[in-house]
Amino acid sequence: MFLKWVKHNPFAMLEPFWYRSMYMFVLLATLSLRMSADVSVPASVASSGEAHDVDNDDDDDVAYSLPPSVASNDEKQHDVDDDVHMPSVASSDEQHHCDDDEPVSEAPSLTSLPVDCDDDIVSEAPSLTSLLSDGNANMSADDLHDVPSADECNILLSTDTVPHDIAEFYSPPRVLATAKAMGRVGNLSLDLETGWDFRCDALRTLSLQLLTALLIELVILSPPCTMFSQLQWLWNVKKMTRLVFERRMSEAKSYVNHSMDCARSQHAAGRKFVFEHPARALSWDEPTVENIAALDGVQVVTVDQCMLGLTSMSGIPMRKRTKLMTNCHVLASRFRTVGLCDRSHKHQVIQGAEGGVRRSVWSQRYPCLMCQLLAQPV
């Protein structure tokens, strides 16, 4: 009877094996789900864009949230596609510079960094002035010596002097070297490397007085982006103590706010200004910057510096997408004509070093065409 039943039900003998197989499958699936739950990030955390220092024992470590423009970088990366590769997470210990590349300091000399700054963020690099001297045919050693000290500028305030055509704040001689070659008047290249430390309240106040006293026709404002760099947030902020973080953020904001004070002063007096910062810098979301951008006649133009002739030391174009905010229609038109990269060439990513010099430091040199466009009469 049993054999007859098996003959008509050939799979009957497999039923116990089938049941055992299903049981093992369900058991393994359950274990897999439990193991994945132990290591996965909850959806509420994974989507929040928050990041924390791995050293939870140090109370001074900064627990920070990535700014929205950094946290949502995945969506913007392919649209922007400029001079650096922006990762979606801070998963590397490699340091990157503030020009959307490696956040050490906009002024690259060792003396430009605070005495108590972190050793892991200090970079041994030649000063920007030495690189400018090598790369700007119009610049000479006299240009550095011509920059007046704060004491000399105090004297200028009390004497009659020739109005200045152009000045640049937060920069060693870059545009002024070209402007002077064109016969234009000006010697104010006020920067840490020329003896002007704008962390000092008195020097910021003095610079505002100079704008009025010297009737400066055009002031170029290019403060260091430092803490406004997206890659600074992705790599270096997590390494900072709260004290260092707060100090550096305060300094970065004071530089930008001072620049906006200069811009407002020039605009109110009917004179010109241009503010330059990397296109991805978080400074563009600062209320003081947005307020100036909203003033009547102020325009913001985006350009790729590869179209202005910026190259690496080996001659490969570097894109370095940059925004310029100005109340000068002539300047805005000049740079709008340049525009974005025409994609006729490949780019050198502004990361790493070449010939012992970081590409991010090298790229702080304005290309000759950019200097010429800024130096020409407006």
Protein backbone atom coordinates (compact mmCIF):
# COMPACT_ATOMS: atom_id res chain seq x y z
CA MET A 1 0.00 0.00 0.00
CA PHE A 2 2.80 2.39 0.96
CA LEU A 3 4.76 1.58 -2.22
CA LYS A 4 1.65 2.14 -4.31
CA TRP A 5 1.17 5.60 -2.66
CA VAL A 6 4.78 6.54 -3.35
CA LYS A 7 4.44 5.39 -6.95
CA HIS A 8 1.52 7.82 -7.50
CA ASN A 9 3.21 10.61 -5.45
CA PRO A 10 6.88 10.60 -6.60
CA PHE A 11 7.69 13.81 -4.61
CA ALA A 12 6.18 12.65 -1.38
CA MET A 13 9.54 11.41 -0.05
CA LEU A 14 11.02 14.86 -0.62
CA GLU A 15 8.49 16.65 1.54
CA PRO A 16 10.48 16.36 4.82
CA PHE A 17 13.61 17.66 3.03
CA TRP A 18 11.58 20.52 1.55
CA TYR A 19 10.24 21.51 4.95
CA ARG A 20 13.75 21.45 6.44
CA SER A 21 15.07 23.59 3.58
CA MET A 22 12.36 26.19 4.04
CA TYR A 23 13.02 26.27 7.76
CA MET A 24 16.77 26.86 7.22
CA PHE A 25 16.06 29.56 4.64
CA VAL A 26 13.76 31.45 7.02
CA LEU A 27 16.28 31.08 9.86
CA LEU A 28 19.18 32.41 7.77
CA ALA A 29 17.10 35.30 6.45
CA THR A 30 16.13 36.30 9.99
CA LEU A 31 19.75 36.21 11.16
CA SER A 32 20.85 38.30 8.17
CA LEU A 33 18.25 40.96 8.91
CA ARG A 34 19.31 41.16 12.55
CA MET A 35 23.00 41.47 11.63
CA SER A 36 22.33 44.23 9.08
CA ALA A 37 20.23 46.09 11.64
CA ASP A 38 23.17 46.12 14.04
CA VAL A 39 25.52 47.86 11.59
CA SER A 40 23.24 50.01 9.42
CA VAL A 41 22.65 53.71 10.07
CA PRO A 42 19.05 54.57 10.94
CA ALA A 43 17.31 56.39 8.15
CA SER A 44 16.70 59.44 10.32
CA VAL A 45 20.43 59.81 10.91
CA ALA A 46 21.58 58.87 7.42
CA SER A 47 19.39 61.52 5.85
CA SER A 48 20.16 64.29 8.30
CA GLY A 49 23.59 65.18 6.95
CA GLU A 50 25.06 65.20 10.47
CA ALA A 51 28.63 64.20 11.20
CA HIS A 52 30.44 63.81 14.51
CA ASP A 53 34.00 63.43 15.62
CA VAL A 54 34.93 59.82 16.26
CA ASP A 55 36.67 60.70 19.51
CA ASN A 56 33.69 60.81 21.85
CA ASP A 57 35.86 60.99 24.94
CA ASP A 58 37.01 64.54 24.22
CA ASP A 59 34.42 67.05 25.40
CA ASP A 60 36.04 69.80 23.34
CA ASP A 61 35.49 68.05 20.02
CA VAL A 62 33.03 69.79 17.76
CA ALA A 63 29.75 68.04 16.97
CA TYR A 64 28.67 69.80 13.80
CA SER A 65 26.08 69.59 11.09
CA LEU A 66 27.17 69.92 7.50
CA PRO A 67 25.79 73.06 5.85
CA PRO A 68 22.96 72.21 3.43
CA SER A 69 25.08 73.09 0.39
CA VAL A 70 27.70 70.57 1.55
CA ALA A 71 25.30 67.87 2.70
CA SER A 72 23.43 67.96 -0.61
CA ASN A 73 26.60 67.93 -2.68
CA ASP A 74 25.72 64.62 -4.35
CA GLU A 75 22.93 66.34 -6.25
CA LYS A 76 25.13 69.28 -7.31
CA GLN A 77 28.38 67.56 -8.12
CA HIS A 78 27.67 66.76 -11.75
CA ASP A 79 26.07 70.15 -12.40
CA VAL A 80 29.01 72.12 -11.03
CA ASP A 81 31.84 69.82 -12.06
CA ASP A 82 34.58 72.35 -11.40
CA ASP A 83 38.15 72.06 -10.22
CA VAL A 84 37.85 69.46 -7.48
CA HIS A 85 36.11 66.14 -6.89
CA MET A 86 33.64 66.66 -4.05
CA PRO A 87 32.94 63.45 -2.12
CA SER A 88 29.55 62.97 -0.55
CA VAL A 89 30.95 61.99 2.86
CA ALA A 90 33.93 62.99 4.95
CA SER A 91 35.69 59.67 4.72
CA SER A 92 39.29 60.74 4.18
CA ASP A 93 41.93 62.17 6.45
CA GLU A 94 43.65 63.92 3.56
CA GLN A 95 43.69 67.69 4.00
CA HIS A 96 42.46 70.07 1.37
CA HIS A 97 42.84 73.78 0.76
CA CYS A 98 40.33 76.53 1.10
CA ASP A 99 40.03 77.40 -2.58
CA ASP A 100 37.69 74.46 -2.86
CA ASP A 101 40.71 72.26 -2.43
CA GLU A 102 42.87 72.17 0.73
CA PRO A 103 41.84 74.29 3.74
CA VAL A 104 45.13 75.41 5.24
CA SER A 105 44.99 79.18 4.86
CA GLU A 106 44.37 81.58 2.02
CA ALA A 107 47.68 83.21 2.92
CA PRO A 108 50.06 80.26 2.59
CA SER A 109 53.14 81.44 4.45
CA LEU A 110 53.77 79.91 7.87
CA THR A 111 53.73 83.32 9.52
CA SER A 112 50.18 83.86 8.31
CA LEU A 113 48.77 81.21 10.64
CA PRO A 114 47.86 81.86 14.28
CA VAL A 115 50.50 80.76 16.76
CA ASP A 116 48.16 78.32 18.48
CA CYS A 117 46.80 76.66 15.35
CA ASP A 118 46.78 72.91 14.92
CA ASP A 119 50.03 71.37 13.70
CA ASP A 120 48.19 69.04 11.36
CA ILE A 121 46.78 71.97 9.42
CA VAL A 122 50.03 73.90 8.98
CA SER A 123 51.48 73.55 5.51
CA GLU A 124 55.07 74.21 4.58
CA ALA A 125 54.64 76.14 1.37
CA PRO A 126 56.32 79.11 -0.26
CA SER A 127 54.62 82.45 0.31
CA LEU A 128 52.13 83.68 -2.25
CA THR A 129 54.27 86.74 -2.86
CA SER A 130 57.18 84.59 -3.99
CA LEU A 131 54.90 82.73 -6.41
CA LEU A 132 53.49 86.01 -7.68
CA SER A 133 56.99 87.32 -8.32
CA ASP A 134 57.72 84.25 -10.42
CA GLY A 135 54.46 84.34 -12.35
CA ASN A 136 53.63 88.04 -12.85
CA ALA A 137 55.86 89.76 -15.36
CA ASN A 138 54.59 93.17 -14.17
CA MET A 139 55.46 92.60 -10.53
CA SER A 140 58.78 93.64 -9.06
CA ALA A 141 60.26 93.57 -5.57
CA ASP A 142 59.52 97.29 -5.30
CA ASP A 143 55.80 96.57 -5.42
CA LEU A 144 56.04 94.89 -2.03
CA HIS A 145 58.08 97.72 -0.52
CA ASP A 146 55.66 100.31 -1.92
CA VAL A 147 52.79 98.98 0.19
CA PRO A 148 52.46 101.48 3.05
CA SER A 149 52.39 100.36 6.66
CA ALA A 150 49.56 101.24 9.02
CA ASP A 151 51.62 104.13 10.48
CA GLU A 152 52.29 105.51 6.99
CA CYS A 153 48.60 105.25 6.14
CA ASN A 154 47.69 107.21 9.26
CA ILE A 155 49.87 110.00 7.92
CA LEU A 156 48.12 109.79 4.54
CA LEU A 157 44.80 110.41 6.26
CA SER A 158 45.99 113.81 7.50
CA THR A 159 47.63 115.01 4.28
CA ASP A 160 46.43 115.90 0.83
CA THR A 161 47.22 113.12 -1.59
CA VAL A 162 46.43 112.03 -5.12
CA PRO A 163 43.24 109.93 -5.33
CA HIS A 164 43.87 106.25 -5.96
CA ASP A 165 42.46 104.50 -8.98
CA ILE A 166 42.56 101.01 -7.50
CA ALA A 167 43.31 99.06 -4.30
CA GLU A 168 43.16 95.42 -3.26
CA PHE A 169 42.37 94.18 0.24
CA TYR A 170 43.36 90.71 1.45
CA SER A 171 45.88 90.36 -1.34
CA PRO A 172 49.57 90.97 -1.94
CA PRO A 173 50.25 92.85 -5.20
CA ARG A 174 48.35 90.94 -7.87
CA VAL A 175 46.14 93.31 -9.82
CA LEU A 176 48.00 96.44 -8.70
CA ALA A 177 51.20 95.28 -10.37
CA THR A 178 49.34 95.19 -13.69
CA ALA A 179 47.46 98.43 -12.98
CA LYS A 180 50.65 100.34 -12.25
CA ALA A 181 52.13 99.08 -15.51
CA MET A 182 49.10 100.69 -17.20
CA GLY A 183 49.89 103.98 -15.50
CA ARG A 184 47.15 103.78 -12.91
CA VAL A 185 47.62 105.12 -9.38
CA GLY A 186 47.55 102.88 -6.31
CA ASN A 187 49.76 101.04 -3.83
CA LEU A 188 47.33 99.58 -1.29
CA SER A 189 47.77 95.81 -1.49
CA LEU A 190 46.73 95.18 2.08
CA ASP A 191 47.38 91.61 3.16
CA LEU A 192 48.92 89.63 5.98
CA GLU A 193 52.04 89.19 3.88
CA THR A 194 52.41 92.94 3.44
CA GLY A 195 52.00 93.63 7.16
CA TRP A 196 48.23 94.04 7.38
CA ASP A 197 46.62 91.58 9.78
CA PHE A 198 42.90 92.21 9.46
CA ARG A 199 42.22 90.26 12.63
CA CYS A 200 43.03 93.61 14.25
CA ASP A 201 39.97 95.83 14.66
CA ALA A 202 42.05 98.99 14.30
CA LEU A 203 43.39 97.93 10.89
CA ARG A 204 39.92 97.09 9.62
CA THR A 205 38.74 100.55 10.71
CA LEU A 206 41.79 102.20 9.14
CA SER A 207 41.17 100.47 5.81
CA LEU A 208 37.61 101.84 5.71
CA GLN A 209 38.96 105.33 6.37
CA LEU A 210 41.43 104.94 3.52
CA LEU A 211 38.64 104.18 1.06
CA THR A 212 37.12 107.59 1.76
CA ALA A 213 40.29 109.63 2.28
CA LEU A 214 41.98 108.40 -0.91
CA LEU A 215 38.77 108.38 -2.97
CA ILE A 216 39.65 104.88 -4.19
CA GLU A 217 37.79 104.35 -7.44
CA LEU A 218 37.80 100.52 -7.31
CA VAL A 219 38.60 98.20 -4.40
CA ILE A 220 39.12 94.49 -4.99
CA LEU A 221 38.06 92.36 -2.00
CA SER A 222 39.34 88.78 -1.81
CA PRO A 223 39.28 87.59 1.82
CA PRO A 224 40.47 84.06 2.63
CA CYS A 225 37.60 81.60 2.43
CA THR A 226 39.08 79.29 5.13
CA MET A 227 36.05 78.12 7.13
CA PHE A 228 33.71 78.84 4.23
CA SER A 229 35.33 76.11 2.15
CA GLN A 230 33.14 73.04 1.73
CA LEU A 231 36.13 70.72 1.88
CA GLN A 232 37.21 72.39 5.13
CA TRP A 233 33.96 71.11 6.61
CA LEU A 234 34.29 67.68 5.05
CA TRP A 235 37.82 67.00 6.29
CA ASN A 236 39.22 69.40 8.87
CA VAL A 237 36.36 70.62 11.04
CA LYS A 238 35.94 67.20 12.62
CA LYS A 239 39.57 67.38 13.81
CA MET A 240 39.22 70.77 15.53
CA THR A 241 38.51 71.38 19.18
CA ARG A 242 35.56 73.61 19.91
CA LEU A 243 37.87 76.47 20.85
CA VAL A 244 39.79 76.29 17.56
CA PHE A 245 36.58 75.90 15.56
CA GLU A 246 34.93 78.94 17.14
CA ARG A 247 38.05 81.08 16.76
CA ARG A 248 38.51 80.23 13.10
CA MET A 249 34.86 80.67 12.26
CA SER A 250 34.86 84.04 14.01
CA GLU A 251 37.92 85.14 12.04
CA ALA A 252 36.48 83.97 8.72
CA LYS A 253 33.22 85.84 9.34
CA SER A 254 35.06 88.98 10.43
CA TYR A 255 37.01 89.00 7.14
CA VAL A 256 33.86 88.64 5.04
CA ASN A 257 31.89 91.16 7.13
CA HIS A 258 34.76 93.65 6.83
CA SER A 259 34.77 93.13 3.06
CA MET A 260 31.03 93.80 2.95
CA ASP A 261 31.53 96.97 5.03
CA CYS A 262 34.04 98.12 2.41
CA ALA A 263 31.64 97.24 -0.39
CA ARG A 264 28.78 99.13 1.26
CA SER A 265 31.00 102.18 1.82
CA GLN A 266 32.08 102.23 -1.82
CA HIS A 267 28.54 101.72 -3.08
CA ALA A 268 27.13 104.49 -0.90
CA ALA A 269 29.83 106.88 -2.15
CA GLY A 270 29.18 106.04 -5.79
CA ARG A 271 32.52 104.29 -6.20
CA LYS A 272 33.19 100.72 -7.29
CA PHE A 273 33.96 97.40 -5.58
CA VAL A 274 34.40 93.79 -6.62
CA PHE A 275 34.25 90.88 -4.18
CA GLU A 276 35.86 87.60 -5.31
CA HIS A 277 35.37 84.18 -3.71
CA PRO A 278 35.23 80.57 -4.92
CA ALA A 279 31.85 79.74 -6.44
CA ARG A 280 31.23 76.97 -3.90
CA ALA A 281 32.26 78.96 -0.84
CA LEU A 282 29.61 78.99 1.87
CA SER A 283 30.23 82.73 2.29
CA TRP A 284 27.73 83.40 -0.49
CA ASP A 285 24.99 82.30 1.92
CA GLU A 286 26.09 84.76 4.63
CA PRO A 287 23.41 87.40 5.40
CA THR A 288 25.91 90.27 5.01
CA VAL A 289 26.88 89.04 1.54
CA GLU A 290 23.27 88.51 0.50
CA ASN A 291 22.42 92.03 1.68
CA ILE A 292 25.12 93.57 -0.52
CA ALA A 293 24.08 91.38 -3.46
CA ALA A 294 20.54 92.76 -3.10
CA LEU A 295 21.65 96.39 -3.45
CA ASP A 296 20.57 98.24 -6.55
CA GLY A 297 23.06 97.82 -9.38
CA VAL A 298 25.02 94.95 -7.79
CA GLN A 299 25.61 91.90 -9.99
CA VAL A 300 27.11 88.46 -9.39
CA VAL A 301 29.02 86.84 -12.27
CA THR A 302 30.45 83.31 -12.37
CA VAL A 303 33.56 82.54 -14.40
CA ASP A 304 35.95 79.63 -14.86
CA GLN A 305 39.52 80.80 -14.52
CA CYS A 306 40.73 78.30 -17.11
CA MET A 307 39.10 80.67 -19.62
CA LEU A 308 41.29 83.44 -18.21
CA GLY A 309 44.48 81.43 -18.62
CA LEU A 310 44.87 79.73 -15.23
CA THR A 311 47.10 76.67 -15.58
CA SER A 312 49.08 74.36 -13.36
CA MET A 313 52.86 74.69 -13.22
CA SER A 314 53.05 72.12 -16.01
CA GLY A 315 50.71 74.18 -18.20
CA ILE A 316 47.49 72.15 -17.80
CA PRO A 317 44.36 74.35 -17.50
CA MET A 318 42.76 74.56 -14.04
CA ARG A 319 39.07 75.42 -13.94
CA LYS A 320 38.72 77.07 -10.51
CA ARG A 321 35.13 78.27 -10.74
CA THR A 322 34.89 81.74 -9.20
CA LYS A 323 32.13 84.23 -8.42
CA LEU A 324 32.58 87.98 -8.67
CA MET A 325 30.12 90.38 -7.02
CA THR A 326 30.38 93.98 -8.18
CA ASN A 327 28.45 97.20 -8.57
CA CYS A 328 30.45 98.03 -11.69
CA HIS A 329 28.50 97.27 -14.86
CA VAL A 330 31.64 97.47 -16.99
CA LEU A 331 33.46 94.85 -14.90
CA ALA A 332 30.43 92.57 -14.82
CA SER A 333 30.18 92.74 -18.61
CA ARG A 334 33.86 91.94 -19.06
CA PHE A 335 33.69 88.78 -16.97
CA ARG A 336 30.30 87.73 -18.25
CA THR A 337 31.86 87.67 -21.71
CA VAL A 338 34.49 85.25 -20.41
CA GLY A 339 31.88 82.98 -18.83
CA LEU A 340 32.26 79.30 -18.05
CA CYS A 341 34.59 76.73 -19.56
CA ASP A 342 33.92 75.97 -23.22
CA ARG A 343 35.02 72.35 -22.60
CA SER A 344 37.64 72.52 -25.32
CA HIS A 345 40.33 71.19 -23.00
CA LYS A 346 40.92 68.89 -20.05
CA HIS A 347 41.58 70.19 -16.55
CA GLN A 348 44.11 69.60 -13.82
CA VAL A 349 42.26 68.97 -10.56
CA ILE A 350 43.47 71.42 -7.90
CA GLN A 351 44.67 68.78 -5.47
CA GLY A 352 48.09 67.55 -4.46
CA ALA A 353 51.41 69.21 -5.21
CA GLU A 354 53.60 69.86 -8.20
CA GLY A 355 57.29 70.71 -7.95
CA GLY A 356 57.00 70.90 -4.17
CA VAL A 357 54.23 73.52 -4.31
CA ARG A 358 50.60 72.77 -3.57
CA ARG A 359 48.39 73.36 -6.58
CA SER A 360 45.88 75.13 -4.36
CA VAL A 361 48.52 77.70 -3.39
CA TRP A 362 49.69 78.06 -6.98
CA SER A 363 46.12 78.67 -8.15
CA GLN A 364 45.84 81.74 -5.91
CA ARG A 365 47.84 83.60 -8.55
CA TYR A 366 45.39 85.51 -10.71
CA PRO A 367 46.05 84.68 -14.39
CA CYS A 368 47.33 87.61 -16.45
CA LEU A 369 44.04 88.14 -18.31
CA MET A 370 42.12 88.32 -15.04
CA CYS A 371 44.56 90.95 -13.73
CA GLN A 372 44.16 92.93 -16.95
CA LEU A 373 40.36 92.85 -16.84
CA LEU A 374 40.38 94.06 -13.24
CA ALA A 375 43.12 96.65 -13.76
CA GLN A 376 41.64 98.43 -16.77
CA PRO A 377 39.75 101.67 -16.14
CA VAL A 378 36.10 101.28 -15.19
